[in-house]
Amino acid sequence: MLYILLDGRRFASKETGHRYLCQKLGPFRYHSPNLDALHDALTSLPPCRIRLRHAATLRKSADGYGSRILQVLADSVLENPGIDLLLS
């Protein structure tokens, strides 16, 4: 099973957050810095476990954009039942 570890502290701004996600998800066709591309990449993942540490920090970061990223994660899990999302 694929395991992806994300750190919510790495999302200081919209730009740095997307750059970080591109590093983590780039092999899965996530190269565009927008939420639609993130959703497309997540819904095409093979079965995997995504652990997001410091989710509360992400929620408060990036001028409210962190909450939108969390919503995309939640929506993607609903569309791709192979994703096991753990928030801590």
PDB file of N, CA and C in Angstrom:
ATOM      1  N   MET A   1       0.839  -1.179   0.000  1.00  0.00           N
ATOM      2  CA  MET A   1       0.000   0.000   0.000  1.00  0.00           C
ATOM      3  C   MET A   1       0.887   1.247   0.000  1.00  0.00           C
ATOM      4  N   LEU A   2       0.479   2.215  -0.756  1.00  0.00           N
ATOM      5  CA  LEU A   2       1.167   3.500  -0.822  1.00  0.00           C
ATOM      6  C   LEU A   2       0.887   4.288   0.458  1.00  0.00           C
ATOM      7  N   TYR A   3       1.897   4.961   0.972  1.00  0.00           N
ATOM      8  CA  TYR A   3       1.760   5.760   2.187  1.00  0.00           C
ATOM      9  C   TYR A   3       2.291   7.156   1.899  1.00  0.00           C
ATOM     10  N   ILE A   4       1.451   8.168   2.127  1.00  0.00           N
ATOM     11  CA  ILE A   4       1.835   9.561   1.888  1.00  0.00           C
ATOM     12  C   ILE A   4       1.701  10.320   3.203  1.00  0.00           C
ATOM     13  N   LEU A   5       2.784  10.924   3.628  1.00  0.00           N
ATOM     14  CA  LEU A   5       2.781  11.710   4.859  1.00  0.00           C
ATOM     15  C   LEU A   5       2.836  13.192   4.492  1.00  0.00           C
ATOM     16  N   LEU A   6       1.859  13.943   4.990  1.00  0.00           N
ATOM     17  CA  LEU A   6       1.804  15.387   4.767  1.00  0.00           C
ATOM     18  C   LEU A   6       1.917  16.102   6.100  1.00  0.00           C
ATOM     19  N   ASP A   7       2.528  17.259   6.093  1.00  0.00           N
ATOM     20  CA  ASP A   7       2.724  18.066   7.294  1.00  0.00           C
ATOM     21  C   ASP A   7       1.999  19.398   7.119  1.00  0.00           C
ATOM     22  N   GLY A   8       0.962  19.620   7.900  1.00  0.00           N
ATOM     23  CA  GLY A   8       0.170  20.840   7.807  1.00  0.00           C
ATOM     24  C   GLY A   8       0.935  22.107   8.080  1.00  0.00           C
ATOM     25  N   ARG A   9       2.083  21.998   8.712  1.00  0.00           N
ATOM     26  CA  ARG A   9       2.903  23.188   8.983  1.00  0.00           C
ATOM     27  C   ARG A   9       3.607  23.691   7.730  1.00  0.00           C
ATOM     28  N   ARG A  10       3.600  22.915   6.673  1.00  0.00           N
ATOM     29  CA  ARG A  10       4.298  23.287   5.438  1.00  0.00           C
ATOM     30  C   ARG A  10       3.447  24.170   4.520  1.00  0.00           C
ATOM     31  N   PHE A  11       2.281  24.595   4.993  1.00  0.00           N
ATOM     32  CA  PHE A  11       1.347  25.378   4.185  1.00  0.00           C
ATOM     33  C   PHE A  11       1.264  26.809   4.696  1.00  0.00           C
ATOM     34  N   ALA A  12       2.387  27.494   4.722  1.00  0.00           N
ATOM     35  CA  ALA A  12       2.421  28.863   5.225  1.00  0.00           C
ATOM     36  C   ALA A  12       1.660  29.823   4.313  1.00  0.00           C
ATOM     37  N   SER A  13       1.629  29.520   3.032  1.00  0.00           N
ATOM     38  CA  SER A  13       0.892  30.338   2.073  1.00  0.00           C
ATOM     39  C   SER A  13       0.321  29.409   1.006  1.00  0.00           C
ATOM     40  N   LYS A  14      -0.547  29.947   0.202  1.00  0.00           N
ATOM     41  CA  LYS A  14      -1.123  29.174  -0.896  1.00  0.00           C
ATOM     42  C   LYS A  14      -0.013  28.640  -1.806  1.00  0.00           C
ATOM     43  N   GLU A  15       0.939  29.498  -2.143  1.00  0.00           N
ATOM     44  CA  GLU A  15       2.003  29.121  -3.058  1.00  0.00           C
ATOM     45  C   GLU A  15       2.908  28.039  -2.474  1.00  0.00           C
ATOM     46  N   THR A  16       3.336  28.230  -1.223  1.00  0.00           N
ATOM     47  CA  THR A  16       4.221  27.226  -0.622  1.00  0.00           C
ATOM     48  C   THR A  16       3.482  25.905  -0.402  1.00  0.00           C
ATOM     49  N   GLY A  17       2.199  25.993  -0.089  1.00  0.00           N
ATOM     50  CA  GLY A  17       1.409  24.775   0.090  1.00  0.00           C
ATOM     51  C   GLY A  17       1.308  23.960  -1.183  1.00  0.00           C
ATOM     52  N   HIS A  18       1.047  24.629  -2.292  1.00  0.00           N
ATOM     53  CA  HIS A  18       0.955  23.907  -3.557  1.00  0.00           C
ATOM     54  C   HIS A  18       2.314  23.383  -4.003  1.00  0.00           C
ATOM     55  N   ARG A  19       3.363  24.130  -3.740  1.00  0.00           N
ATOM     56  CA  ARG A  19       4.711  23.647  -4.074  1.00  0.00           C
ATOM     57  C   ARG A  19       5.010  22.363  -3.283  1.00  0.00           C
ATOM     58  N   TYR A  20       4.643  22.365  -2.013  1.00  0.00           N
ATOM     59  CA  TYR A  20       4.839  21.194  -1.158  1.00  0.00           C
ATOM     60  C   TYR A  20       4.025  20.003  -1.681  1.00  0.00           C
ATOM     61  N   LEU A  21       2.767  20.248  -2.024  1.00  0.00           N
ATOM     62  CA  LEU A  21       1.931  19.177  -2.545  1.00  0.00           C
ATOM     63  C   LEU A  21       2.473  18.639  -3.873  1.00  0.00           C
ATOM     64  N   CYS A  22       3.014  19.510  -4.697  1.00  0.00           N
ATOM     65  CA  CYS A  22       3.612  19.059  -5.959  1.00  0.00           C
ATOM     66  C   CYS A  22       4.789  18.123  -5.692  1.00  0.00           C
ATOM     67  N   GLN A  23       5.574  18.424  -4.660  1.00  0.00           N
ATOM     68  CA  GLN A  23       6.688  17.541  -4.300  1.00  0.00           C
ATOM     69  C   GLN A  23       6.170  16.181  -3.853  1.00  0.00           C
ATOM     70  N   LYS A  24       5.118  16.191  -3.043  1.00  0.00           N
ATOM     71  CA  LYS A  24       4.599  14.952  -2.468  1.00  0.00           C
ATOM     72  C   LYS A  24       3.768  14.137  -3.459  1.00  0.00           C
ATOM     73  N   LEU A  25       3.009  14.815  -4.312  1.00  0.00           N
ATOM     74  CA  LEU A  25       2.072  14.132  -5.200  1.00  0.00           C
ATOM     75  C   LEU A  25       2.461  14.199  -6.670  1.00  0.00           C
ATOM     76  N   GLY A  26       3.579  14.816  -6.983  1.00  0.00           N
ATOM     77  CA  GLY A  26       4.012  14.968  -8.367  1.00  0.00           C
ATOM     78  C   GLY A  26       3.995  13.688  -9.181  1.00  0.00           C
ATOM     79  N   PRO A  27       4.458  12.568  -8.623  1.00  0.00           N
ATOM     80  CA  PRO A  27       4.431  11.323  -9.400  1.00  0.00           C
ATOM     81  C   PRO A  27       3.008  10.888  -9.777  1.00  0.00           C
ATOM     82  N   PHE A  28       2.014  11.477  -9.144  1.00  0.00           N
ATOM     83  CA  PHE A  28       0.614  11.102  -9.402  1.00  0.00           C
ATOM     84  C   PHE A  28      -0.107  12.178 -10.197  1.00  0.00           C
ATOM     85  N   ARG A  29       0.621  12.824 -11.090  1.00  0.00           N
ATOM     86  CA  ARG A  29       0.073  13.804 -12.017  1.00  0.00           C
ATOM     87  C   ARG A  29      -0.508  15.030 -11.324  1.00  0.00           C
ATOM     88  N   TYR A  30       0.146  15.487 -10.282  1.00  0.00           N
ATOM     89  CA  TYR A  30      -0.252  16.747  -9.665  1.00  0.00           C
ATOM     90  C   TYR A  30       0.888  17.730  -9.880  1.00  0.00           C
ATOM     91  N   HIS A  31       0.713  18.591 -10.849  1.00  0.00           N
ATOM     92  CA  HIS A  31       1.753  19.558 -11.164  1.00  0.00           C
ATOM     93  C   HIS A  31       1.209  20.970 -11.285  1.00  0.00           C
ATOM     94  N   SER A  32      -0.091  21.143 -11.228  1.00  0.00           N
ATOM     95  CA  SER A  32      -0.693  22.470 -11.352  1.00  0.00           C
ATOM     96  C   SER A  32      -1.091  22.974  -9.976  1.00  0.00           C
ATOM     97  N   PRO A  33      -0.759  24.210  -9.677  1.00  0.00           N
ATOM     98  CA  PRO A  33      -1.040  24.733  -8.342  1.00  0.00           C
ATOM     99  C   PRO A  33      -2.479  25.230  -8.184  1.00  0.00           C
ATOM    100  N   ASN A  34      -3.430  24.303  -8.246  1.00  0.00           N
ATOM    101  CA  ASN A  34      -4.823  24.691  -8.006  1.00  0.00           C
ATOM    102  C   ASN A  34      -5.588  23.517  -7.409  1.00  0.00           C
ATOM    103  N   LEU A  35      -6.734  23.820  -6.835  1.00  0.00           N
ATOM    104  CA  LEU A  35      -7.499  22.806  -6.117  1.00  0.00           C
ATOM    105  C   LEU A  35      -8.128  21.766  -7.045  1.00  0.00           C
ATOM    106  N   ASP A  36      -8.502  22.154  -8.246  1.00  0.00           N
ATOM    107  CA  ASP A  36      -9.051  21.174  -9.191  1.00  0.00           C
ATOM    108  C   ASP A  36      -8.013  20.117  -9.552  1.00  0.00           C
ATOM    109  N   ALA A  37      -6.785  20.547  -9.791  1.00  0.00           N
ATOM    110  CA  ALA A  37      -5.711  19.599 -10.103  1.00  0.00           C
ATOM    111  C   ALA A  37      -5.420  18.698  -8.906  1.00  0.00           C
ATOM    112  N   LEU A  38      -5.477  19.257  -7.703  1.00  0.00           N
ATOM    113  CA  LEU A  38      -5.274  18.450  -6.499  1.00  0.00           C
ATOM    114  C   LEU A  38      -6.351  17.374  -6.406  1.00  0.00           C
ATOM    115  N   HIS A  39      -7.591  17.751  -6.622  1.00  0.00           N
ATOM    116  CA  HIS A  39      -8.700  16.794  -6.580  1.00  0.00           C
ATOM    117  C   HIS A  39      -8.510  15.693  -7.632  1.00  0.00           C
ATOM    118  N   ASP A  40      -8.139  16.084  -8.841  1.00  0.00           N
ATOM    119  CA  ASP A  40      -7.920  15.092  -9.902  1.00  0.00           C
ATOM    120  C   ASP A  40      -6.811  14.119  -9.530  1.00  0.00           C
ATOM    121  N   ALA A  41      -5.722  14.636  -8.962  1.00  0.00           N
ATOM    122  CA  ALA A  41      -4.608  13.764  -8.563  1.00  0.00           C
ATOM    123  C   ALA A  41      -5.038  12.807  -7.455  1.00  0.00           C
ATOM    124  N   LEU A  42      -5.745  13.317  -6.481  1.00  0.00           N
ATOM    125  CA  LEU A  42      -6.161  12.478  -5.349  1.00  0.00           C
ATOM    126  C   LEU A  42      -7.153  11.400  -5.774  1.00  0.00           C
ATOM    127  N   THR A  43      -8.085  11.740  -6.621  1.00  0.00           N
ATOM    128  CA  THR A  43      -9.085  10.749  -7.012  1.00  0.00           C
ATOM    129  C   THR A  43      -8.514   9.691  -7.950  1.00  0.00           C
ATOM    130  N   SER A  44      -7.336   9.937  -8.504  1.00  0.00           N
ATOM    131  CA  SER A  44      -6.718   8.928  -9.370  1.00  0.00           C
ATOM    132  C   SER A  44      -5.650   8.102  -8.651  1.00  0.00           C
ATOM    133  N   LEU A  45      -5.460   8.336  -7.358  1.00  0.00           N
ATOM    134  CA  LEU A  45      -4.458   7.580  -6.603  1.00  0.00           C
ATOM    135  C   LEU A  45      -4.841   6.111  -6.492  1.00  0.00           C
ATOM    136  N   PRO A  46      -3.842   5.234  -6.476  1.00  0.00           N
ATOM    137  CA  PRO A  46      -4.113   3.835  -6.157  1.00  0.00           C
ATOM    138  C   PRO A  46      -4.425   3.738  -4.661  1.00  0.00           C
ATOM    139  N   PRO A  47      -4.858   2.577  -4.184  1.00  0.00           N
ATOM    140  CA  PRO A  47      -5.129   2.454  -2.749  1.00  0.00           C
ATOM    141  C   PRO A  47      -3.942   2.965  -1.930  1.00  0.00           C
ATOM    142  N   CYS A  48      -4.252   3.810  -0.964  1.00  0.00           N
ATOM    143  CA  CYS A  48      -3.188   4.432  -0.192  1.00  0.00           C
ATOM    144  C   CYS A  48      -3.700   4.922   1.157  1.00  0.00           C
ATOM    145  N   ARG A  49      -2.757   5.228   2.000  1.00  0.00           N
ATOM    146  CA  ARG A  49      -3.040   5.873   3.280  1.00  0.00           C
ATOM    147  C   ARG A  49      -2.343   7.223   3.248  1.00  0.00           C
ATOM    148  N   ILE A  50      -3.135   8.271   3.484  1.00  0.00           N
ATOM    149  CA  ILE A  50      -2.594   9.622   3.578  1.00  0.00           C
ATOM    150  C   ILE A  50      -2.715  10.052   5.026  1.00  0.00           C
ATOM    151  N   ARG A  51      -1.599  10.374   5.620  1.00  0.00           N
ATOM    152  CA  ARG A  51      -1.609  10.880   6.990  1.00  0.00           C
ATOM    153  C   ARG A  51      -1.238  12.352   6.948  1.00  0.00           C
ATOM    154  N   LEU A  52      -2.125  13.170   7.464  1.00  0.00           N
ATOM    155  CA  LEU A  52      -1.889  14.607   7.529  1.00  0.00           C
ATOM    156  C   LEU A  52      -1.652  14.986   8.981  1.00  0.00           C
ATOM    157  N   ARG A  53      -0.401  15.263   9.282  1.00  0.00           N
ATOM    158  CA  ARG A  53      -0.055  15.724  10.629  1.00  0.00           C
ATOM    159  C   ARG A  53      -0.301  17.224  10.708  1.00  0.00           C
ATOM    160  N   HIS A  54      -0.636  17.683  11.876  1.00  0.00           N
ATOM    161  CA  HIS A  54      -0.859  19.106  12.140  1.00  0.00           C
ATOM    162  C   HIS A  54      -1.987  19.665  11.271  1.00  0.00           C
ATOM    163  N   ALA A  55      -3.079  18.898  11.200  1.00  0.00           N
ATOM    164  CA  ALA A  55      -4.231  19.326  10.399  1.00  0.00           C
ATOM    165  C   ALA A  55      -4.813  20.644  10.923  1.00  0.00           C
ATOM    166  N   ALA A  56      -4.805  20.847  12.226  1.00  0.00           N
ATOM    167  CA  ALA A  56      -5.331  22.097  12.792  1.00  0.00           C
ATOM    168  C   ALA A  56      -4.510  23.298  12.335  1.00  0.00           C
ATOM    169  N   THR A  57      -3.208  23.103  12.213  1.00  0.00           N
ATOM    170  CA  THR A  57      -2.340  24.179  11.726  1.00  0.00           C
ATOM    171  C   THR A  57      -2.673  24.495  10.282  1.00  0.00           C
ATOM    172  N   LEU A  58      -2.895  23.470   9.478  1.00  0.00           N
ATOM    173  CA  LEU A  58      -3.279  23.685   8.083  1.00  0.00           C
ATOM    174  C   LEU A  58      -4.601  24.438   8.006  1.00  0.00           C
ATOM    175  N   ARG A  59      -5.543  24.055   8.838  1.00  0.00           N
ATOM    176  CA  ARG A  59      -6.863  24.694   8.825  1.00  0.00           C
ATOM    177  C   ARG A  59      -6.747  26.199   9.044  1.00  0.00           C
ATOM    178  N   LYS A  60      -5.787  26.619   9.860  1.00  0.00           N
ATOM    179  CA  LYS A  60      -5.618  28.035  10.190  1.00  0.00           C
ATOM    180  C   LYS A  60      -4.653  28.753   9.260  1.00  0.00           C
ATOM    181  N   SER A  61      -3.980  28.023   8.393  1.00  0.00           N
ATOM    182  CA  SER A  61      -2.901  28.616   7.612  1.00  0.00           C
ATOM    183  C   SER A  61      -3.361  29.092   6.242  1.00  0.00           C
ATOM    184  N   ALA A  62      -2.444  29.704   5.560  1.00  0.00           N
ATOM    185  CA  ALA A  62      -2.594  30.105   4.165  1.00  0.00           C
ATOM    186  C   ALA A  62      -3.814  30.993   3.950  1.00  0.00           C
ATOM    187  N   ASP A  63      -4.038  31.896   4.867  1.00  0.00           N
ATOM    188  CA  ASP A  63      -5.137  32.867   4.735  1.00  0.00           C
ATOM    189  C   ASP A  63      -6.479  32.207   4.438  1.00  0.00           C
ATOM    190  N   GLY A  64      -6.778  31.139   5.141  1.00  0.00           N
ATOM    191  CA  GLY A  64      -8.035  30.429   4.948  1.00  0.00           C
ATOM    192  C   GLY A  64      -7.998  29.392   3.841  1.00  0.00           C
ATOM    193  N   TYR A  65      -6.954  29.380   3.065  1.00  0.00           N
ATOM    194  CA  TYR A  65      -6.843  28.438   1.962  1.00  0.00           C
ATOM    195  C   TYR A  65      -6.649  27.015   2.480  1.00  0.00           C
ATOM    196  N   GLY A  66      -6.069  26.882   3.651  1.00  0.00           N
ATOM    197  CA  GLY A  66      -5.859  25.562   4.245  1.00  0.00           C
ATOM    198  C   GLY A  66      -7.169  24.817   4.444  1.00  0.00           C
ATOM    199  N   SER A  67      -8.210  25.528   4.829  1.00  0.00           N
ATOM    200  CA  SER A  67      -9.526  24.893   4.991  1.00  0.00           C
ATOM    201  C   SER A  67     -10.048  24.363   3.667  1.00  0.00           C
ATOM    202  N   ARG A  68      -9.766  25.071   2.602  1.00  0.00           N
ATOM    203  CA  ARG A  68     -10.206  24.620   1.282  1.00  0.00           C
ATOM    204  C   ARG A  68      -9.439  23.365   0.866  1.00  0.00           C
ATOM    205  N   ILE A  69      -8.162  23.300   1.201  1.00  0.00           N
ATOM    206  CA  ILE A  69      -7.381  22.098   0.907  1.00  0.00           C
ATOM    207  C   ILE A  69      -7.943  20.910   1.682  1.00  0.00           C
ATOM    208  N   LEU A  70      -8.279  21.119   2.939  1.00  0.00           N
ATOM    209  CA  LEU A  70      -8.874  20.043   3.737  1.00  0.00           C
ATOM    210  C   LEU A  70     -10.196  19.582   3.134  1.00  0.00           C
ATOM    211  N   GLN A  71     -10.977  20.503   2.613  1.00  0.00           N
ATOM    212  CA  GLN A  71     -12.248  20.129   1.987  1.00  0.00           C
ATOM    213  C   GLN A  71     -12.015  19.295   0.729  1.00  0.00           C
ATOM    214  N   VAL A  72     -11.001  19.658  -0.053  1.00  0.00           N
ATOM    215  CA  VAL A  72     -10.667  18.873  -1.246  1.00  0.00           C
ATOM    216  C   VAL A  72     -10.228  17.466  -0.836  1.00  0.00           C
ATOM    217  N   LEU A  73      -9.450  17.363   0.222  1.00  0.00           N
ATOM    218  CA  LEU A  73      -9.052  16.040   0.718  1.00  0.00           C
ATOM    219  C   LEU A  73     -10.285  15.217   1.086  1.00  0.00           C
ATOM    220  N   ALA A  74     -11.199  15.822   1.825  1.00  0.00           N
ATOM    221  CA  ALA A  74     -12.414  15.113   2.255  1.00  0.00           C
ATOM    222  C   ALA A  74     -13.264  14.706   1.056  1.00  0.00           C
ATOM    223  N   ASP A  75     -13.446  15.610   0.099  1.00  0.00           N
ATOM    224  CA  ASP A  75     -14.238  15.300  -1.092  1.00  0.00           C
ATOM    225  C   ASP A  75     -13.590  14.185  -1.912  1.00  0.00           C
ATOM    226  N   SER A  76     -12.272  14.207  -1.993  1.00  0.00           N
ATOM    227  CA  SER A  76     -11.555  13.201  -2.775  1.00  0.00           C
ATOM    228  C   SER A  76     -11.677  11.816  -2.156  1.00  0.00           C
ATOM    229  N   VAL A  77     -11.680  11.763  -0.834  1.00  0.00           N
ATOM    230  CA  VAL A  77     -11.847  10.481  -0.135  1.00  0.00           C
ATOM    231  C   VAL A  77     -13.224   9.885  -0.450  1.00  0.00           C
ATOM    232  N   LEU A  78     -14.230  10.742  -0.558  1.00  0.00           N
ATOM    233  CA  LEU A  78     -15.570  10.249  -0.888  1.00  0.00           C
ATOM    234  C   LEU A  78     -15.618   9.663  -2.298  1.00  0.00           C
ATOM    235  N   GLU A  79     -14.855  10.240  -3.215  1.00  0.00           N
ATOM    236  CA  GLU A  79     -14.844   9.760  -4.594  1.00  0.00           C
ATOM    237  C   GLU A  79     -13.888   8.589  -4.811  1.00  0.00           C
ATOM    238  N   ASN A  80     -12.860   8.508  -3.999  1.00  0.00           N
ATOM    239  CA  ASN A  80     -11.874   7.436  -4.143  1.00  0.00           C
ATOM    240  C   ASN A  80     -11.838   6.639  -2.838  1.00  0.00           C
ATOM    241  N   PRO A  81     -12.634   5.578  -2.756  1.00  0.00           N
ATOM    242  CA  PRO A  81     -12.684   4.804  -1.507  1.00  0.00           C
ATOM    243  C   PRO A  81     -11.384   4.086  -1.180  1.00  0.00           C
ATOM    244  N   GLY A  82     -10.400   4.115  -2.076  1.00  0.00           N
ATOM    245  CA  GLY A  82      -9.113   3.497  -1.806  1.00  0.00           C
ATOM    246  C   GLY A  82      -8.208   4.350  -0.937  1.00  0.00           C
ATOM    247  N   ILE A  83      -8.641   5.578  -0.654  1.00  0.00           N
ATOM    248  CA  ILE A  83      -7.844   6.473   0.185  1.00  0.00           C
ATOM    249  C   ILE A  83      -8.276   6.332   1.633  1.00  0.00           C
ATOM    250  N   ASP A  84      -7.319   6.086   2.486  1.00  0.00           N
ATOM    251  CA  ASP A  84      -7.536   6.060   3.935  1.00  0.00           C
ATOM    252  C   ASP A  84      -6.881   7.326   4.469  1.00  0.00           C
ATOM    253  N   LEU A  85      -7.681   8.311   4.849  1.00  0.00           N
ATOM    254  CA  LEU A  85      -7.163   9.609   5.304  1.00  0.00           C
ATOM    255  C   LEU A  85      -7.156   9.661   6.814  1.00  0.00           C
ATOM    256  N   LEU A  86      -5.979   9.939   7.378  1.00  0.00           N
ATOM    257  CA  LEU A  86      -5.823  10.076   8.821  1.00  0.00           C
ATOM    258  C   LEU A  86      -5.375  11.499   9.130  1.00  0.00           C
ATOM    259  N   LEU A  87      -6.111  12.178   9.975  1.00  0.00           N
ATOM    260  CA  LEU A  87      -5.765  13.529  10.383  1.00  0.00           C
ATOM    261  C   LEU A  87      -5.282  13.497  11.818  1.00  0.00           C
ATOM    262  N   SER A  88      -4.188  14.178  12.066  1.00  0.00           N
ATOM    263  CA  SER A  88      -3.684  14.237  13.453  1.00  0.00           C
ATOM    264  C   SER A  88      -3.138  15.608  13.733  1.00  0.00           C
TER     265      SER A  88
END
